[in-house]
Amino acid sequence: MDGSATGGLRPLKHIHHMAFRCRDAEQTRWFYEDILGLPLTLAMVFDKEPGSGRPVDYMHLFFQMEDGNFIAFFDAPDDVDESLFRPKHGFDLHLAFEVDTVEELKAWRKRINQAGRPCFGPIDHELLHSIYMYDPNGIQVEITIRDKSYDEFVAHDRAQAHEVLRAWTEKTRARKEAACGADALDMRGIDTSKADFSKMKAGS
């Protein structure tokens, strides 16, 4: 990629972190550090919301993956709501980690089950084979390996991805307009013109 699709800007490098709300920082640390082996690297305590300066006590904690990227969480006890941590459907939210062999995949399944977190699979997705569990915050967690045909599969699909997407959009647009309204399907999606940014501090 040469940046031609972004007006000369360099393509985005990689995901630095993905962040989610958690019920409890220590409960979350147990799962991601003690069970999944991702070291707790940052645990920062704040008393103001970034941008607005609104008083709020919260912790922002980061678990580091082998590639240097992070999974991060917010623990905000004053507005914790148990309904936020009900198990989420995998279509709505899930995290997928990768290992190299079937033996590793099965060993992870055994470890997670022994820790008292139900883990099922592997499920054959053709290009991937995956096991699944839920973290303590209702987030579906997947551990996956690449099928031996992975590279061939991806190369084949890449060549036709835009054509497949155009056909899918034509097939499903009317159903989604009926459910969401045509305005919701414009390229901007959520209408941020109605969002209140008045309390955000000015920046560069």
Protein backbone atom coordinates (compact mmCIF):
# COMPACT_ATOMS: atom_id res chain seq x y z
CA MET A 1 0.00 0.00 0.00
CA ASP A 2 1.43 3.34 -1.09
CA GLY A 3 -0.98 5.83 0.46
CA SER A 4 -2.72 6.66 -2.83
CA ALA A 5 -6.09 5.72 -1.29
CA THR A 6 -5.57 8.13 1.63
CA GLY A 7 -4.52 11.28 -0.20
CA GLY A 8 -0.84 10.62 0.34
CA LEU A 9 -1.10 9.80 4.03
CA ARG A 10 0.86 6.76 5.12
CA PRO A 11 -1.41 3.75 5.72
CA LEU A 12 -2.33 3.16 9.35
CA LYS A 13 0.27 0.87 10.92
CA HIS A 14 -1.47 -1.50 13.29
CA ILE A 15 -3.90 -1.58 16.19
CA HIS A 16 -2.14 -0.14 19.25
CA HIS A 17 -4.98 -1.15 21.56
CA MET A 18 -8.65 -2.03 21.73
CA ALA A 19 -10.43 -0.79 24.84
CA PHE A 20 -13.54 -2.01 26.62
CA ARG A 21 -15.38 -1.41 29.87
CA CYS A 22 -14.85 -3.96 32.62
CA ARG A 23 -16.80 -4.76 35.76
CA ASP A 24 -13.71 -5.00 37.96
CA ALA A 25 -10.02 -4.45 37.22
CA GLU A 26 -8.74 -7.32 39.36
CA GLN A 27 -11.28 -9.79 37.99
CA THR A 28 -10.24 -8.77 34.48
CA ARG A 29 -6.55 -9.03 35.35
CA TRP A 30 -7.09 -12.60 36.59
CA PHE A 31 -8.52 -13.67 33.25
CA TYR A 32 -6.15 -11.88 30.88
CA GLU A 33 -2.93 -12.23 32.90
CA ASP A 34 -3.31 -15.39 35.00
CA ILE A 35 -5.31 -17.43 32.49
CA LEU A 36 -4.38 -16.06 29.05
CA GLY A 37 -0.85 -15.01 30.03
CA LEU A 38 -1.00 -11.40 28.81
CA PRO A 39 1.07 -9.33 31.26
CA LEU A 40 -0.52 -6.36 32.96
CA THR A 41 1.68 -3.53 31.68
CA LEU A 42 -0.16 -0.32 32.56
CA ALA A 43 -2.60 0.36 35.39
CA MET A 44 -3.32 4.09 35.48
CA VAL A 45 -5.72 5.82 37.86
CA PHE A 46 -7.45 9.08 36.89
CA ASP A 47 -10.03 11.39 38.46
CA LYS A 48 -11.16 13.33 35.36
CA GLU A 49 -12.68 12.28 32.05
CA PRO A 50 -10.30 12.96 29.16
CA GLY A 51 -11.35 15.88 26.99
CA SER A 52 -14.27 17.15 29.10
CA GLY A 53 -12.52 17.28 32.48
CA ARG A 54 -15.69 15.89 34.11
CA PRO A 55 -14.85 14.47 37.56
CA VAL A 56 -14.85 10.69 37.44
CA ASP A 57 -12.72 8.06 39.15
CA TYR A 58 -11.52 5.35 36.82
CA MET A 59 -8.66 3.00 36.08
CA HIS A 60 -7.32 2.37 32.58
CA LEU A 61 -5.43 -0.92 32.41
CA PHE A 62 -3.49 -2.47 29.51
CA PHE A 63 -2.47 -6.07 28.84
CA GLN A 64 0.33 -6.56 26.32
CA MET A 65 0.30 -9.15 23.57
CA GLU A 66 3.39 -10.81 22.14
CA ASP A 67 3.40 -8.46 19.13
CA GLY A 68 3.52 -5.39 21.41
CA ASN A 69 -0.11 -4.39 20.94
CA PHE A 70 -2.54 -4.15 23.84
CA ILE A 71 -5.98 -5.13 25.08
CA ALA A 72 -7.20 -2.33 27.37
CA PHE A 73 -10.05 -1.83 29.82
CA PHE A 74 -11.77 0.93 31.79
CA ASP A 75 -12.90 0.28 35.37
CA ALA A 76 -15.28 3.12 36.35
CA PRO A 77 -16.95 2.05 39.61
CA ASP A 78 -19.35 4.98 40.01
CA ASP A 79 -21.30 4.20 36.84
CA VAL A 80 -20.88 0.43 36.75
CA ASP A 81 -24.06 -1.31 35.53
CA GLU A 82 -24.38 -5.08 35.60
CA SER A 83 -26.44 -5.02 32.40
CA LEU A 84 -23.32 -3.91 30.53
CA PHE A 85 -21.62 -7.23 31.23
CA ARG A 86 -24.19 -9.68 29.96
CA PRO A 87 -22.66 -12.06 27.40
CA LYS A 88 -22.58 -10.41 23.99
CA HIS A 89 -23.28 -12.23 20.78
CA GLY A 90 -20.13 -12.85 18.78
CA PHE A 91 -21.63 -10.86 15.87
CA ASP A 92 -21.73 -7.82 18.14
CA LEU A 93 -18.34 -8.11 19.80
CA HIS A 94 -15.51 -10.59 20.06
CA LEU A 95 -11.74 -10.70 20.36
CA ALA A 96 -9.70 -13.23 18.39
CA PHE A 97 -6.16 -14.24 19.36
CA GLU A 98 -3.94 -16.45 17.22
CA VAL A 99 -1.75 -19.47 17.96
CA ASP A 100 0.36 -21.58 15.61
CA THR A 101 -0.68 -25.23 16.03
CA VAL A 102 -3.66 -27.48 16.70
CA GLU A 103 -1.82 -28.81 19.75
CA GLU A 104 -1.59 -25.30 21.20
CA LEU A 105 -5.26 -24.70 20.48
CA LYS A 106 -6.30 -27.85 22.33
CA ALA A 107 -3.95 -27.07 25.21
CA TRP A 108 -5.52 -23.62 25.58
CA ARG A 109 -9.00 -25.17 25.59
CA LYS A 110 -7.96 -27.52 28.39
CA ARG A 111 -6.33 -24.72 30.41
CA ILE A 112 -9.34 -22.44 30.14
CA ASN A 113 -11.80 -25.18 31.04
CA GLN A 114 -9.69 -26.12 34.06
CA ALA A 115 -9.81 -22.48 35.17
CA GLY A 116 -13.60 -22.72 35.34
CA ARG A 117 -14.35 -20.80 32.15
CA PRO A 118 -16.33 -23.01 29.74
CA CYS A 119 -14.48 -23.25 26.43
CA PHE A 120 -15.78 -25.03 23.32
CA GLY A 121 -14.53 -25.93 19.84
CA PRO A 122 -12.55 -26.13 17.71
CA ILE A 123 -15.00 -24.91 15.07
CA ASP A 124 -13.95 -25.23 11.44
CA HIS A 125 -14.33 -21.90 9.58
CA GLU A 126 -12.44 -23.22 6.53
CA LEU A 127 -9.71 -20.60 6.63
CA LEU A 128 -9.55 -20.69 10.47
CA HIS A 129 -10.16 -23.19 13.27
CA SER A 130 -11.26 -21.64 16.56
CA ILE A 131 -12.16 -22.24 20.19
CA TYR A 132 -14.43 -19.88 22.13
CA MET A 133 -15.09 -18.70 25.65
CA TYR A 134 -16.34 -15.57 27.45
CA ASP A 135 -14.24 -13.27 29.59
CA PRO A 136 -15.68 -12.02 32.93
CA ASN A 137 -17.08 -8.91 31.17
CA GLY A 138 -19.33 -10.75 28.71
CA ILE A 139 -16.91 -10.39 25.78
CA GLN A 140 -16.57 -13.44 23.57
CA VAL A 141 -12.92 -14.46 23.26
CA GLU A 142 -11.70 -16.60 20.37
CA ILE A 143 -8.37 -18.38 19.98
CA THR A 144 -7.69 -19.44 16.41
CA ILE A 145 -5.20 -21.08 14.08
CA ARG A 146 -4.87 -20.60 10.34
CA ASP A 147 -5.84 -23.46 8.06
CA LYS A 148 -3.08 -24.75 5.77
CA SER A 149 -4.99 -23.17 2.85
CA TYR A 150 -5.22 -19.78 4.60
CA ASP A 151 -2.94 -17.81 2.25
CA GLU A 152 -4.58 -19.25 -0.86
CA PHE A 153 -8.05 -18.59 0.58
CA VAL A 154 -7.23 -14.95 1.39
CA ALA A 155 -5.62 -14.30 -2.00
CA HIS A 156 -8.66 -15.71 -3.79
CA ASP A 157 -11.13 -13.69 -1.74
CA ARG A 158 -9.11 -10.47 -1.97
CA ALA A 159 -9.41 -10.54 -5.75
CA GLN A 160 -13.21 -10.50 -5.61
CA ALA A 161 -13.97 -8.79 -2.29
CA HIS A 162 -15.36 -5.54 -3.74
CA GLU A 163 -17.54 -7.40 -6.24
CA VAL A 164 -18.95 -9.62 -3.48
CA LEU A 165 -19.60 -6.57 -1.30
CA ARG A 166 -21.46 -4.75 -4.09
CA ALA A 167 -23.69 -7.78 -4.64
CA TRP A 168 -24.35 -8.10 -0.90
CA THR A 169 -25.26 -4.41 -0.60
CA GLU A 170 -27.71 -4.70 -3.50
CA LYS A 171 -29.28 -7.81 -1.98
CA THR A 172 -29.69 -6.49 1.58
CA ARG A 173 -30.09 -2.69 1.27
CA ALA A 174 -33.90 -2.66 1.28
CA ARG A 175 -34.08 -4.83 4.42
CA LYS A 176 -31.68 -2.55 6.27
CA GLU A 177 -33.44 0.62 5.12
CA ALA A 178 -36.71 -0.81 6.45
CA ALA A 179 -35.09 -1.55 9.82
CA CYS A 180 -32.82 1.48 10.23
CA GLY A 181 -33.98 4.14 7.75
CA ALA A 182 -32.11 5.28 4.66
CA ASP A 183 -30.32 8.12 6.47
CA ALA A 184 -28.65 5.66 8.84
CA LEU A 185 -27.05 3.92 5.87
CA ASP A 186 -25.31 6.91 4.36
CA MET A 187 -21.52 6.84 4.42
CA ARG A 188 -21.33 8.70 7.73
CA GLY A 189 -23.46 6.22 9.64
CA ILE A 190 -24.08 7.76 13.06
CA ASP A 191 -25.08 11.42 12.77
CA THR A 192 -22.33 13.05 14.82
CA SER A 193 -23.78 16.50 14.11
CA LYS A 194 -26.15 15.81 17.02
CA ALA A 195 -23.35 14.86 19.42
CA ASP A 196 -22.44 17.33 22.15
CA PHE A 197 -18.77 18.23 21.92
CA SER A 198 -19.21 21.56 23.72
CA LYS A 199 -17.32 20.39 26.82
CA MET A 200 -14.36 19.01 24.92
CA LYS A 201 -11.18 20.99 25.40
CA ALA A 202 -9.71 22.51 22.27
CA GLY A 203 -6.68 20.76 20.83
CA SER A 204 -4.53 20.72 17.76
